[in-house]
Protein backbone atom coordinates (compact mmCIF):
# COMPACT_ATOMS: atom_id res chain seq x y z
CA VAL A 1 -81.35 127.55 36.74
CA GLY A 2 -79.53 125.24 39.11
CA VAL A 3 -80.66 121.86 40.34
CA LEU A 4 -84.33 121.59 41.28
CA THR A 5 -85.61 119.11 43.83
CA ALA A 6 -88.99 118.22 45.21
CA ASN A 7 -89.89 115.75 47.92
CA SER A 8 -92.87 113.46 47.71
CA ASN A 9 -95.31 112.94 50.52
CA ASN A 10 -94.43 110.12 52.92
CA PHE A 11 -95.71 106.72 51.87
CA VAL A 12 -95.62 103.18 53.25
CA ILE A 13 -94.41 100.12 51.41
CA ASN A 14 -96.16 97.00 52.65
CA ASN A 15 -94.95 93.45 52.24
CA SER A 16 -96.13 91.50 49.21
CA ALA A 17 -97.82 88.09 49.46
CA ALA A 18 -96.22 85.39 51.58
CA THR A 19 -94.01 83.02 49.57
CA THR A 20 -91.76 81.26 52.05
CA LEU A 21 -91.07 80.26 55.64
CA VAL A 22 -87.59 80.87 57.07
CA TRP A 23 -86.12 79.25 60.19
CA THR A 24 -84.52 82.33 61.76
CA THR A 25 -83.57 80.28 64.85
CA GLN A 26 -82.80 76.61 64.26
CA PRO A 27 -82.97 73.92 66.98
CA ALA A 28 -79.62 73.77 68.79
CA ASN A 29 -77.24 71.08 67.58
CA PRO A 30 -76.74 69.00 69.62
CA THR A 31 -79.73 69.17 71.96
CA ILE A 32 -80.27 67.07 75.08
CA ALA A 33 -83.32 64.78 75.14
CA GLY A 34 -86.26 66.60 76.69
CA ALA A 35 -84.71 70.07 76.33
CA ASP A 36 -86.78 72.85 74.75
CA LEU A 37 -85.96 73.33 71.05
CA LEU A 38 -86.94 77.07 70.92
CA PRO A 39 -87.25 77.57 67.14
CA VAL A 40 -88.29 80.86 65.52
CA ILE A 41 -89.96 80.88 62.08
CA ALA A 42 -90.61 83.93 59.91
CA ILE A 43 -93.24 84.21 57.16
CA ARG A 44 -91.62 86.14 54.32
CA ASP A 45 -92.52 87.53 50.91
CA THR A 46 -90.61 87.06 47.66
CA TYR A 47 -88.31 89.98 48.55
CA GLY A 48 -87.34 88.57 51.94
CA ASN A 49 -89.55 90.96 53.89
CA VAL A 50 -91.33 89.61 56.94
CA VAL A 51 -95.07 89.52 56.24
CA THR A 52 -96.30 91.93 58.91
CA SER A 53 -99.70 92.75 57.40
CA GLY A 54 -102.52 90.83 55.80
CA ALA A 55 -104.03 87.44 56.65
CA ASP A 56 -100.73 85.56 56.54
CA ALA A 57 -99.18 87.82 59.22
CA THR A 58 -101.32 85.94 61.77
CA ALA A 59 -101.31 82.49 60.18
CA SER A 60 -100.94 79.40 62.32
CA ILE A 61 -97.59 77.59 62.14
CA SER A 62 -97.39 73.92 63.11
CA LEU A 63 -94.25 71.88 63.74
CA SER A 64 -93.76 68.19 63.00
CA ILE A 65 -90.86 65.74 62.79
CA ASN A 66 -89.54 65.56 59.22
CA THR A 67 -86.76 63.00 59.69
CA GLY A 68 -85.85 60.79 62.62
CA THR A 69 -87.86 58.84 65.17
CA GLY A 70 -89.80 59.80 68.25
CA SER A 71 -92.55 62.30 68.82
CA LEU A 72 -92.56 66.06 69.05
CA ASN A 73 -93.87 67.02 72.50
CA GLY A 74 -95.38 70.26 73.74
CA THR A 75 -97.49 72.92 72.02
CA VAL A 76 -96.58 72.49 68.34
CA ASN A 77 -99.18 74.89 66.85
CA LYS A 78 -98.87 78.62 67.34
CA VAL A 79 -100.28 81.74 65.66
CA ALA A 80 -97.81 84.20 64.14
CA THR A 81 -97.58 87.75 65.43
CA ALA A 82 -96.63 90.17 62.65
CA GLY A 83 -95.27 87.24 60.60
CA ILE A 84 -93.08 85.74 63.34
CA VAL A 85 -93.65 82.61 65.44
CA SER A 86 -91.38 82.08 68.44
CA PHE A 87 -91.70 78.75 70.22
CA THR A 88 -90.55 79.53 73.77
CA ALA A 89 -90.08 77.49 76.94
CA THR A 90 -93.80 78.09 77.60
CA GLU A 91 -94.67 75.83 74.63
CA SER A 92 -92.09 73.24 75.82
CA VAL A 93 -91.42 71.80 72.34
CA ASP A 94 -89.01 68.91 72.76
CA ILE A 95 -88.03 65.43 71.55
CA SER A 96 -87.09 62.71 74.04
CA VAL A 97 -85.73 60.03 71.65
CA THR A 98 -82.04 60.24 70.70
CA GLY A 99 -80.77 60.44 67.12
CA THR A 100 -80.57 62.78 64.15
CA LYS A 101 -83.75 64.76 63.46
CA SER A 102 -85.16 67.59 61.37
CA LEU A 103 -88.46 69.42 61.72
CA THR A 104 -91.01 70.77 59.26
CA ALA A 105 -92.79 74.08 59.84
CA THR A 106 -96.15 74.35 58.04
CA LYS A 107 -98.11 77.59 57.59
CA SER A 108 -101.87 77.15 57.51
CA ASP A 109 -103.91 77.76 54.34
CA MET A 110 -105.12 81.37 54.51
CA THR A 111 -106.64 81.62 51.01
CA GLY A 112 -110.16 81.94 52.44
CA ALA A 113 -109.07 84.99 54.44
CA GLY A 114 -107.17 86.71 51.63
CA GLY A 115 -103.78 85.10 52.19
CA VAL A 116 -101.95 82.32 50.39
CA GLY A 117 -102.07 78.54 50.67
CA VAL A 118 -99.94 76.19 52.71
CA LEU A 119 -96.19 76.88 52.92
CA THR A 120 -93.60 74.52 54.43
CA ALA A 121 -89.91 74.68 55.32
CA ASN A 122 -87.60 72.12 56.89
CA SER A 123 -85.10 72.86 59.64
CA ASN A 124 -81.46 71.89 59.48
CA ASN A 125 -80.60 68.44 60.82
CA PHE A 126 -79.80 68.34 64.52
CA VAL A 127 -78.85 65.61 66.98
CA ILE A 128 -80.71 64.71 70.16
CA ASN A 129 -78.27 63.30 72.73
CA ASN A 130 -79.26 61.45 75.89
CA SER A 131 -80.07 63.41 79.01
CA PRO A 132 -78.15 62.66 82.24
CA ALA A 133 -78.13 59.05 83.43
CA THR A 134 -80.90 58.21 85.88
CA GLN A 135 -81.21 54.42 85.91
CA LEU A 136 -79.57 51.04 85.44
CA VAL A 137 -81.61 48.52 83.46
CA TRP A 138 -81.00 44.78 83.30
CA THR A 139 -81.42 43.84 79.63
CA SER A 140 -80.15 40.27 80.13
CA GLN A 141 -80.72 38.59 83.50
CA PRO A 142 -78.53 35.76 84.80
CA ALA A 143 -80.02 32.31 84.12
CA ASN A 144 -82.03 30.84 86.97
CA PRO A 145 -80.93 28.39 88.10
CA THR A 146 -77.25 28.75 87.25
CA VAL A 147 -74.68 26.02 87.79
CA ALA A 148 -71.83 26.98 90.11
CA GLY A 149 -68.74 28.13 88.22
CA ILE A 150 -70.62 29.07 85.02
CA ASN A 151 -70.35 32.66 83.76
CA ILE A 152 -73.64 34.45 84.41
CA LEU A 153 -73.09 37.07 81.62
CA PRO A 154 -75.56 39.78 82.65
CA VAL A 155 -76.11 42.83 80.43
CA ILE A 156 -76.88 46.12 82.16
CA GLN A 157 -77.61 49.42 80.39
CA ILE A 158 -77.12 52.91 81.73
CA GLN A 159 -80.22 54.89 80.68
CA ASP A 160 -81.60 58.40 81.00
CA ALA A 161 -85.08 59.36 82.23
CA TYR A 162 -86.48 58.75 78.71
CA ASN A 163 -85.09 55.17 78.50
CA ASN A 164 -82.36 56.20 76.03
CA VAL A 165 -79.07 54.35 76.39
CA VAL A 166 -76.50 56.83 77.69
CA THR A 167 -73.84 57.20 74.98
CA THR A 168 -72.53 60.69 75.80
CA THR A 169 -71.02 62.26 78.94
CA ASP A 170 -68.87 60.50 81.54
CA ASP A 171 -71.79 58.25 82.52
CA ALA A 172 -71.48 56.41 79.18
CA THR A 173 -68.31 54.68 80.45
CA ALA A 174 -69.16 54.45 84.16
CA ALA A 175 -68.09 51.34 86.07
CA ILE A 176 -70.98 49.20 87.26
């Protein structure tokens, strides 16, 4: 007798329980102050499969600032669809304060609905640079009154719409 073969019936392999969050799209580095960050987070099981079924497939994901200053603006809580959360321009998630930042994504506790507890994951570090210059701000006014012939020594900052000092682009070295 030669080789014998037999095929099984078709069957589906479902994801196992959620064990991790993965930033599949990180915030751009650098990003301009006020620009949408547009992150994408996946809920995955221990084998790296996206959790597409079960309670955790529709868990809520919230974003917060992990490191750096400022506040995270926009809609920072969103429900996953088939284990994926995409923060789009509609949610307008942005940071308006310059500096180095990282974010934390947190999956809600789904143990009461048959899922797993809270999961968190941090994004990579990214830099928020100033947006285009929009204003000149006097940070040190000339003394009043001032004696004739004395240096008045004013200090003027070039700032963006979010009151960040402009340190990037050609406006950072503009003549005033």
